[in-house]
N, C-alpha and C. Protein backbone atom coordinates (compact mmCIF):
# COMPACT_ATOMS: atom_id res chain seq x y z
N MET A 1 0.84 -1.17 0.00
CA MET A 1 0.00 0.00 0.00
C MET A 1 0.88 1.24 0.00
N PRO A 2 0.38 2.31 -0.56
CA PRO A 2 1.21 3.52 -0.62
C PRO A 2 1.48 4.07 0.78
N LYS A 3 2.65 4.68 0.90
CA LYS A 3 3.04 5.28 2.18
C LYS A 3 3.34 6.75 1.95
N TYR A 4 2.96 7.57 2.93
CA TYR A 4 3.12 9.01 2.86
C TYR A 4 3.80 9.52 4.12
N THR A 5 4.44 10.67 4.00
CA THR A 5 4.99 11.36 5.16
C THR A 5 4.35 12.74 5.23
N ASN A 6 3.88 13.08 6.43
CA ASN A 6 3.31 14.40 6.68
C ASN A 6 4.37 15.21 7.40
N SER A 7 4.99 16.16 6.71
CA SER A 7 6.04 16.98 7.31
C SER A 7 5.49 18.26 7.94
N ASN A 8 4.17 18.41 7.94
CA ASN A 8 3.54 19.55 8.58
C ASN A 8 3.59 19.40 10.09
N LEU A 9 3.29 20.46 10.80
CA LEU A 9 3.25 20.41 12.26
C LEU A 9 1.86 20.04 12.77
N GLU A 10 0.88 19.98 11.85
CA GLU A 10 -0.49 19.66 12.22
C GLU A 10 -1.00 18.48 11.41
N ASP A 11 -2.09 17.88 11.90
CA ASP A 11 -2.74 16.80 11.17
C ASP A 11 -3.23 17.31 9.82
N VAL A 12 -3.25 16.42 8.83
CA VAL A 12 -3.80 16.74 7.52
C VAL A 12 -4.96 15.79 7.26
N MET A 13 -6.14 16.36 6.98
CA MET A 13 -7.34 15.56 6.68
C MET A 13 -7.40 15.32 5.18
N ILE A 14 -7.48 14.06 4.78
CA ILE A 14 -7.64 13.68 3.37
C ILE A 14 -9.12 13.44 3.15
N CYS A 15 -9.76 14.28 2.39
CA CYS A 15 -11.21 14.21 2.17
C CYS A 15 -11.52 13.44 0.90
N GLN A 16 -11.19 12.18 0.95
CA GLN A 16 -11.44 11.27 -0.17
C GLN A 16 -11.85 9.97 0.49
N SER A 17 -12.74 9.26 -0.11
CA SER A 17 -13.25 8.04 0.51
C SER A 17 -12.19 6.94 0.46
N PRO A 18 -11.80 6.34 1.57
CA PRO A 18 -12.24 6.66 2.92
C PRO A 18 -11.51 7.89 3.45
N TYR A 19 -12.17 8.64 4.33
CA TYR A 19 -11.54 9.80 4.95
C TYR A 19 -10.37 9.33 5.80
N THR A 20 -9.27 10.05 5.74
CA THR A 20 -8.06 9.66 6.45
C THR A 20 -7.41 10.90 7.05
N VAL A 21 -6.84 10.72 8.24
CA VAL A 21 -6.08 11.79 8.87
C VAL A 21 -4.62 11.37 8.88
N LEU A 22 -3.76 12.23 8.32
CA LEU A 22 -2.33 11.98 8.35
C LEU A 22 -1.74 12.84 9.48
N ILE A 23 -1.25 12.18 10.51
CA ILE A 23 -0.67 12.90 11.63
C ILE A 23 0.79 13.21 11.34
N PRO A 24 1.32 14.28 11.91
CA PRO A 24 2.74 14.56 11.70
C PRO A 24 3.57 13.39 12.25
N ALA A 25 4.47 12.90 11.44
CA ALA A 25 5.25 11.73 11.86
C ALA A 25 6.58 11.71 11.14
N ASP A 26 7.56 11.09 11.77
CA ASP A 26 8.86 10.90 11.13
C ASP A 26 8.85 9.64 10.27
N SER A 27 7.94 8.73 10.58
CA SER A 27 7.90 7.48 9.82
C SER A 27 6.80 7.53 8.76
N ASP A 28 6.76 6.54 7.91
CA ASP A 28 5.78 6.49 6.82
C ASP A 28 4.39 6.12 7.35
N ILE A 29 3.37 6.75 6.76
CA ILE A 29 1.98 6.48 7.09
C ILE A 29 1.40 5.69 5.92
N GLU A 30 0.95 4.47 6.18
CA GLU A 30 0.45 3.60 5.11
C GLU A 30 -1.05 3.77 4.96
N THR A 31 -1.50 3.90 3.71
CA THR A 31 -2.93 3.97 3.41
C THR A 31 -3.28 2.80 2.48
N ASN A 32 -4.57 2.55 2.31
CA ASN A 32 -4.98 1.47 1.40
C ASN A 32 -5.48 2.04 0.07
N PHE A 33 -5.05 3.28 -0.23
CA PHE A 33 -5.43 3.93 -1.49
C PHE A 33 -4.40 5.01 -1.78
N TYR A 34 -4.39 5.47 -3.02
CA TYR A 34 -3.53 6.58 -3.41
C TYR A 34 -4.29 7.90 -3.22
N ILE A 35 -3.63 8.88 -2.65
CA ILE A 35 -4.23 10.20 -2.46
C ILE A 35 -4.22 10.90 -3.82
N ARG A 36 -5.39 11.37 -4.26
CA ARG A 36 -5.51 11.95 -5.60
C ARG A 36 -4.72 13.23 -5.77
N SER A 37 -4.80 14.10 -4.80
CA SER A 37 -4.11 15.38 -4.88
C SER A 37 -3.37 15.58 -3.56
N LEU A 38 -2.06 15.52 -3.62
CA LEU A 38 -1.27 15.61 -2.39
C LEU A 38 -1.33 17.01 -1.79
N PRO A 39 -1.72 17.11 -0.52
CA PRO A 39 -1.71 18.41 0.14
C PRO A 39 -0.28 18.89 0.36
N SER A 40 -0.13 20.17 0.57
CA SER A 40 1.18 20.75 0.86
C SER A 40 1.77 20.07 2.10
N GLY A 41 3.04 19.70 2.01
CA GLY A 41 3.73 19.08 3.13
C GLY A 41 3.58 17.57 3.21
N VAL A 42 2.78 16.97 2.33
CA VAL A 42 2.60 15.52 2.32
C VAL A 42 3.29 14.98 1.08
N THR A 43 4.13 13.95 1.25
CA THR A 43 4.85 13.36 0.12
C THR A 43 4.65 11.86 0.08
N LEU A 44 4.56 11.34 -1.12
CA LEU A 44 4.51 9.89 -1.33
C LEU A 44 5.92 9.35 -1.15
N THR A 45 6.08 8.36 -0.27
CA THR A 45 7.43 7.85 0.01
C THR A 45 7.65 6.44 -0.49
N ASP A 46 6.58 5.66 -0.73
CA ASP A 46 6.78 4.27 -1.13
C ASP A 46 5.50 3.72 -1.75
N HIS A 47 5.65 2.87 -2.75
CA HIS A 47 4.51 2.19 -3.36
C HIS A 47 4.30 0.79 -2.79
N ALA A 48 5.30 0.22 -2.14
CA ALA A 48 5.24 -1.17 -1.71
C ALA A 48 4.45 -1.33 -0.42
N PRO A 49 3.73 -2.42 -0.27
CA PRO A 49 3.43 -3.38 -1.34
C PRO A 49 2.46 -2.78 -2.34
N LEU A 50 2.64 -3.12 -3.59
CA LEU A 50 1.87 -2.53 -4.68
C LEU A 50 0.39 -2.87 -4.57
N ILE A 51 -0.44 -1.90 -4.92
CA ILE A 51 -1.87 -2.15 -5.07
C ILE A 51 -2.07 -2.55 -6.53
N SER A 52 -2.65 -3.70 -6.75
CA SER A 52 -2.91 -4.15 -8.11
C SER A 52 -4.42 -4.27 -8.29
N PRO A 53 -5.06 -3.21 -8.76
CA PRO A 53 -6.51 -3.25 -8.85
C PRO A 53 -7.05 -4.14 -9.96
N TRP A 54 -6.23 -4.42 -10.98
CA TRP A 54 -6.70 -5.24 -12.10
C TRP A 54 -6.47 -6.71 -11.82
N VAL A 55 -7.47 -7.52 -12.09
CA VAL A 55 -7.39 -8.97 -11.91
C VAL A 55 -7.78 -9.61 -13.24
N LEU A 56 -6.90 -10.48 -13.76
CA LEU A 56 -7.26 -11.23 -14.97
C LEU A 56 -8.24 -12.32 -14.55
N LEU A 57 -9.48 -12.20 -15.02
CA LEU A 57 -10.53 -13.14 -14.64
C LEU A 57 -10.55 -14.39 -15.50
N ASP A 58 -10.21 -14.24 -16.78
CA ASP A 58 -10.20 -15.41 -17.66
C ASP A 58 -9.49 -15.09 -18.96
N THR A 59 -8.84 -16.10 -19.50
CA THR A 59 -8.28 -16.06 -20.84
C THR A 59 -9.08 -17.07 -21.65
N VAL A 60 -9.85 -16.58 -22.60
CA VAL A 60 -10.75 -17.44 -23.37
C VAL A 60 -10.07 -17.79 -24.68
N SER A 61 -9.78 -19.08 -24.86
CA SER A 61 -9.17 -19.52 -26.10
C SER A 61 -10.07 -20.49 -26.86
N SER A 62 -11.15 -20.96 -26.21
CA SER A 62 -12.14 -21.77 -26.92
C SER A 62 -13.52 -21.29 -26.51
N VAL A 63 -14.44 -21.33 -27.46
CA VAL A 63 -15.78 -20.78 -27.24
C VAL A 63 -16.83 -21.85 -27.41
N PRO A 64 -17.97 -21.70 -26.81
CA PRO A 64 -18.31 -20.63 -25.89
C PRO A 64 -17.59 -20.84 -24.55
N SER A 65 -17.27 -19.72 -23.90
CA SER A 65 -16.61 -19.80 -22.61
C SER A 65 -17.65 -20.12 -21.54
N SER A 66 -17.18 -20.49 -20.39
CA SER A 66 -18.10 -20.60 -19.26
C SER A 66 -18.44 -19.17 -18.82
N GLU A 67 -19.43 -19.03 -17.97
CA GLU A 67 -19.78 -17.71 -17.47
C GLU A 67 -18.64 -17.20 -16.60
N ILE A 68 -18.15 -16.01 -16.88
CA ILE A 68 -17.08 -15.39 -16.11
C ILE A 68 -17.75 -14.43 -15.14
N VAL A 69 -17.64 -14.70 -13.85
CA VAL A 69 -18.32 -13.89 -12.84
C VAL A 69 -17.60 -12.56 -12.67
N VAL A 70 -18.34 -11.46 -12.87
CA VAL A 70 -17.77 -10.11 -12.80
C VAL A 70 -18.52 -9.22 -11.81
N SER A 71 -19.44 -9.78 -11.08
CA SER A 71 -20.34 -8.99 -10.23
C SER A 71 -19.63 -8.18 -9.16
N SER A 72 -18.48 -8.61 -8.69
CA SER A 72 -17.81 -7.88 -7.60
C SER A 72 -16.81 -6.85 -8.09
N TYR A 73 -16.79 -6.58 -9.39
CA TYR A 73 -15.82 -5.63 -9.95
C TYR A 73 -16.52 -4.38 -10.44
N LYS A 74 -15.92 -3.21 -10.17
CA LYS A 74 -16.51 -1.93 -10.58
C LYS A 74 -16.26 -1.61 -12.04
N SER A 75 -15.20 -2.16 -12.61
CA SER A 75 -14.91 -1.99 -14.03
C SER A 75 -14.57 -3.34 -14.63
N ILE A 76 -14.96 -3.51 -15.88
CA ILE A 76 -14.68 -4.75 -16.60
C ILE A 76 -14.04 -4.37 -17.92
N VAL A 77 -12.96 -5.06 -18.27
CA VAL A 77 -12.28 -4.83 -19.53
C VAL A 77 -12.28 -6.14 -20.30
N ILE A 78 -12.70 -6.09 -21.55
CA ILE A 78 -12.62 -7.24 -22.44
C ILE A 78 -11.73 -6.84 -23.61
N TYR A 79 -10.67 -7.60 -23.81
CA TYR A 79 -9.75 -7.32 -24.92
C TYR A 79 -9.77 -8.50 -25.87
N ASN A 80 -10.13 -8.23 -27.12
CA ASN A 80 -10.16 -9.25 -28.16
C ASN A 80 -8.78 -9.27 -28.83
N ALA A 81 -7.93 -10.18 -28.40
CA ALA A 81 -6.59 -10.29 -28.96
C ALA A 81 -6.55 -11.26 -30.14
N SER A 82 -7.72 -11.66 -30.62
CA SER A 82 -7.75 -12.55 -31.77
C SER A 82 -7.70 -11.73 -33.06
N ASP A 83 -7.64 -12.44 -34.18
CA ASP A 83 -7.52 -11.76 -35.46
C ASP A 83 -8.85 -11.65 -36.21
N ASP A 84 -9.97 -11.81 -35.48
CA ASP A 84 -11.29 -11.68 -36.09
C ASP A 84 -12.28 -11.22 -35.03
N VAL A 85 -13.52 -10.97 -35.45
CA VAL A 85 -14.54 -10.51 -34.51
C VAL A 85 -14.92 -11.62 -33.54
N VAL A 86 -15.35 -11.21 -32.33
CA VAL A 86 -15.92 -12.13 -31.35
C VAL A 86 -17.23 -11.52 -30.86
N THR A 87 -18.08 -12.36 -30.31
CA THR A 87 -19.29 -11.86 -29.68
C THR A 87 -19.24 -12.23 -28.21
N ALA A 88 -19.83 -11.35 -27.39
CA ALA A 88 -19.87 -11.59 -25.95
C ALA A 88 -21.23 -11.15 -25.42
N SER A 89 -21.70 -11.87 -24.42
CA SER A 89 -22.97 -11.51 -23.80
C SER A 89 -22.77 -11.32 -22.30
N VAL A 90 -23.71 -10.63 -21.68
CA VAL A 90 -23.69 -10.46 -20.24
C VAL A 90 -24.96 -11.03 -19.64
N ASN A 91 -24.82 -11.55 -18.44
CA ASN A 91 -25.95 -12.06 -17.64
C ASN A 91 -26.78 -13.12 -18.38
N GLY A 92 -26.14 -13.86 -19.28
CA GLY A 92 -26.84 -14.93 -20.00
C GLY A 92 -27.75 -14.46 -21.11
N ASP A 93 -27.71 -13.17 -21.46
CA ASP A 93 -28.58 -12.62 -22.50
C ASP A 93 -27.87 -12.73 -23.86
N ASP A 94 -27.82 -13.96 -24.39
CA ASP A 94 -27.11 -14.22 -25.64
C ASP A 94 -27.77 -13.55 -26.84
N ASP A 95 -29.08 -13.27 -26.78
CA ASP A 95 -29.77 -12.63 -27.89
C ASP A 95 -29.29 -11.20 -28.13
N ASN A 96 -28.74 -10.57 -27.11
CA ASN A 96 -28.27 -9.19 -27.22
C ASN A 96 -26.75 -9.11 -27.07
N ALA A 97 -26.07 -10.09 -27.64
CA ALA A 97 -24.60 -10.13 -27.57
C ALA A 97 -24.01 -8.95 -28.34
N ILE A 98 -22.84 -8.50 -27.86
CA ILE A 98 -22.16 -7.42 -28.57
C ILE A 98 -21.05 -8.00 -29.43
N VAL A 99 -20.63 -7.24 -30.41
CA VAL A 99 -19.55 -7.64 -31.31
C VAL A 99 -18.31 -6.85 -30.94
N LEU A 100 -17.20 -7.54 -30.77
CA LEU A 100 -15.91 -6.91 -30.49
C LEU A 100 -15.02 -7.14 -31.70
N MET A 101 -14.57 -6.07 -32.30
CA MET A 101 -13.69 -6.17 -33.47
C MET A 101 -12.33 -6.75 -33.07
N ALA A 102 -11.61 -7.27 -34.04
CA ALA A 102 -10.27 -7.83 -33.79
C ALA A 102 -9.38 -6.75 -33.19
N ALA A 103 -8.56 -7.15 -32.23
CA ALA A 103 -7.59 -6.26 -31.57
C ALA A 103 -8.25 -5.04 -30.96
N SER A 104 -9.47 -5.20 -30.43
CA SER A 104 -10.16 -4.08 -29.80
C SER A 104 -10.39 -4.35 -28.32
N LYS A 105 -10.71 -3.29 -27.61
CA LYS A 105 -10.92 -3.37 -26.17
C LYS A 105 -12.21 -2.65 -25.81
N GLU A 106 -12.97 -3.22 -24.91
CA GLU A 106 -14.16 -2.59 -24.37
C GLU A 106 -13.97 -2.44 -22.86
N VAL A 107 -14.30 -1.26 -22.34
CA VAL A 107 -14.24 -1.01 -20.90
C VAL A 107 -15.66 -0.68 -20.44
N TRP A 108 -16.14 -1.45 -19.47
CA TRP A 108 -17.50 -1.26 -18.98
C TRP A 108 -17.47 -0.82 -17.54
N ASN A 109 -18.28 0.17 -17.22
CA ASN A 109 -18.45 0.63 -15.85
C ASN A 109 -19.50 -0.27 -15.20
N ASN A 110 -19.11 -0.93 -14.13
CA ASN A 110 -20.02 -1.83 -13.42
C ASN A 110 -20.26 -1.36 -11.99
N SER A 111 -20.06 -0.06 -11.74
CA SER A 111 -20.23 0.43 -10.37
C SER A 111 -21.68 0.33 -9.90
N ASN A 112 -22.62 0.24 -10.81
CA ASN A 112 -24.02 0.07 -10.43
C ASN A 112 -24.41 -1.40 -10.31
N GLY A 113 -23.49 -2.33 -10.58
CA GLY A 113 -23.75 -3.76 -10.41
C GLY A 113 -24.62 -4.36 -11.50
N ALA A 114 -24.69 -3.76 -12.67
CA ALA A 114 -25.55 -4.27 -13.75
C ALA A 114 -25.03 -5.56 -14.36
N PHE A 115 -23.71 -5.78 -14.31
CA PHE A 115 -23.13 -6.96 -14.94
C PHE A 115 -22.79 -8.01 -13.88
N GLY A 116 -23.37 -9.19 -14.03
CA GLY A 116 -23.07 -10.29 -13.12
C GLY A 116 -22.10 -11.28 -13.71
N SER A 117 -22.24 -11.50 -15.02
CA SER A 117 -21.35 -12.45 -15.69
C SER A 117 -21.18 -12.06 -17.15
N VAL A 118 -20.06 -12.51 -17.72
CA VAL A 118 -19.74 -12.30 -19.13
C VAL A 118 -19.48 -13.66 -19.75
N THR A 119 -19.97 -13.88 -20.94
CA THR A 119 -19.69 -15.10 -21.69
C THR A 119 -19.21 -14.73 -23.08
N VAL A 120 -18.07 -15.26 -23.48
CA VAL A 120 -17.60 -15.07 -24.85
C VAL A 120 -18.24 -16.19 -25.67
N LEU A 121 -19.07 -15.81 -26.64
CA LEU A 121 -19.88 -16.78 -27.38
C LEU A 121 -19.18 -17.33 -28.61
N THR A 122 -18.63 -16.44 -29.44
CA THR A 122 -18.04 -16.88 -30.70
C THR A 122 -16.69 -16.22 -30.89
N ASN A 123 -15.84 -16.89 -31.61
CA ASN A 123 -14.55 -16.35 -32.00
C ASN A 123 -14.21 -16.98 -33.34
N ALA A 124 -14.31 -16.19 -34.40
CA ALA A 124 -14.10 -16.72 -35.75
C ALA A 124 -12.62 -16.82 -36.11
N GLY A 125 -11.77 -16.16 -35.36
CA GLY A 125 -10.35 -16.13 -35.70
C GLY A 125 -9.51 -16.95 -34.75
N SER A 126 -8.21 -16.73 -34.82
CA SER A 126 -7.30 -17.40 -33.89
C SER A 126 -6.79 -16.36 -32.90
N GLY A 127 -6.54 -16.80 -31.70
CA GLY A 127 -6.11 -15.90 -30.64
C GLY A 127 -7.08 -15.96 -29.48
N SER A 128 -6.76 -15.27 -28.40
CA SER A 128 -7.54 -15.33 -27.17
C SER A 128 -8.29 -14.03 -26.91
N VAL A 129 -9.25 -14.13 -26.00
CA VAL A 129 -9.98 -12.98 -25.50
C VAL A 129 -9.71 -12.92 -24.00
N TYR A 130 -9.34 -11.73 -23.50
CA TYR A 130 -8.99 -11.57 -22.11
C TYR A 130 -10.05 -10.75 -21.40
N VAL A 131 -10.43 -11.18 -20.20
CA VAL A 131 -11.42 -10.47 -19.40
C VAL A 131 -10.78 -10.11 -18.07
N TRP A 132 -10.75 -8.78 -17.75
CA TRP A 132 -10.20 -8.30 -16.50
C TRP A 132 -11.30 -7.63 -15.69
N GLY A 133 -11.09 -7.60 -14.38
CA GLY A 133 -11.95 -6.85 -13.49
C GLY A 133 -11.12 -5.93 -12.63
N ALA A 134 -11.68 -4.80 -12.23
CA ALA A 134 -11.00 -3.87 -11.32
C ALA A 134 -11.94 -3.55 -10.18
N LYS A 135 -11.40 -3.56 -8.98
CA LYS A 135 -12.20 -3.28 -7.77
C LYS A 135 -12.57 -1.83 -7.67
């Protein structure tokens, strides 16, 4: 997780969810998020251990894929690394599948929880389709 040092003489309130107070300290203060805009006197001192928000959920090399559960992720990325179009559906709604062009990427906002699962239905070319989720 990122670590910061507050070189001020007073506490610094970080008004970003979650709210955090950085007290004046000689040692590093660890948070579970990156501060978007560093206040005066606060410096980023370390990235370790790294926060890795992206998780590779599946590499689809044969179709149709099984349902890839994406419900707990706020963002979903599907990258068609094959050399032809693929189709993908969400929540088992195969009739309304979308088409992903070769070497293209789709990023979906799932912060409202609309997507529960993704299924890669067809792949006319050679190559894989990658599905990632981000918390």
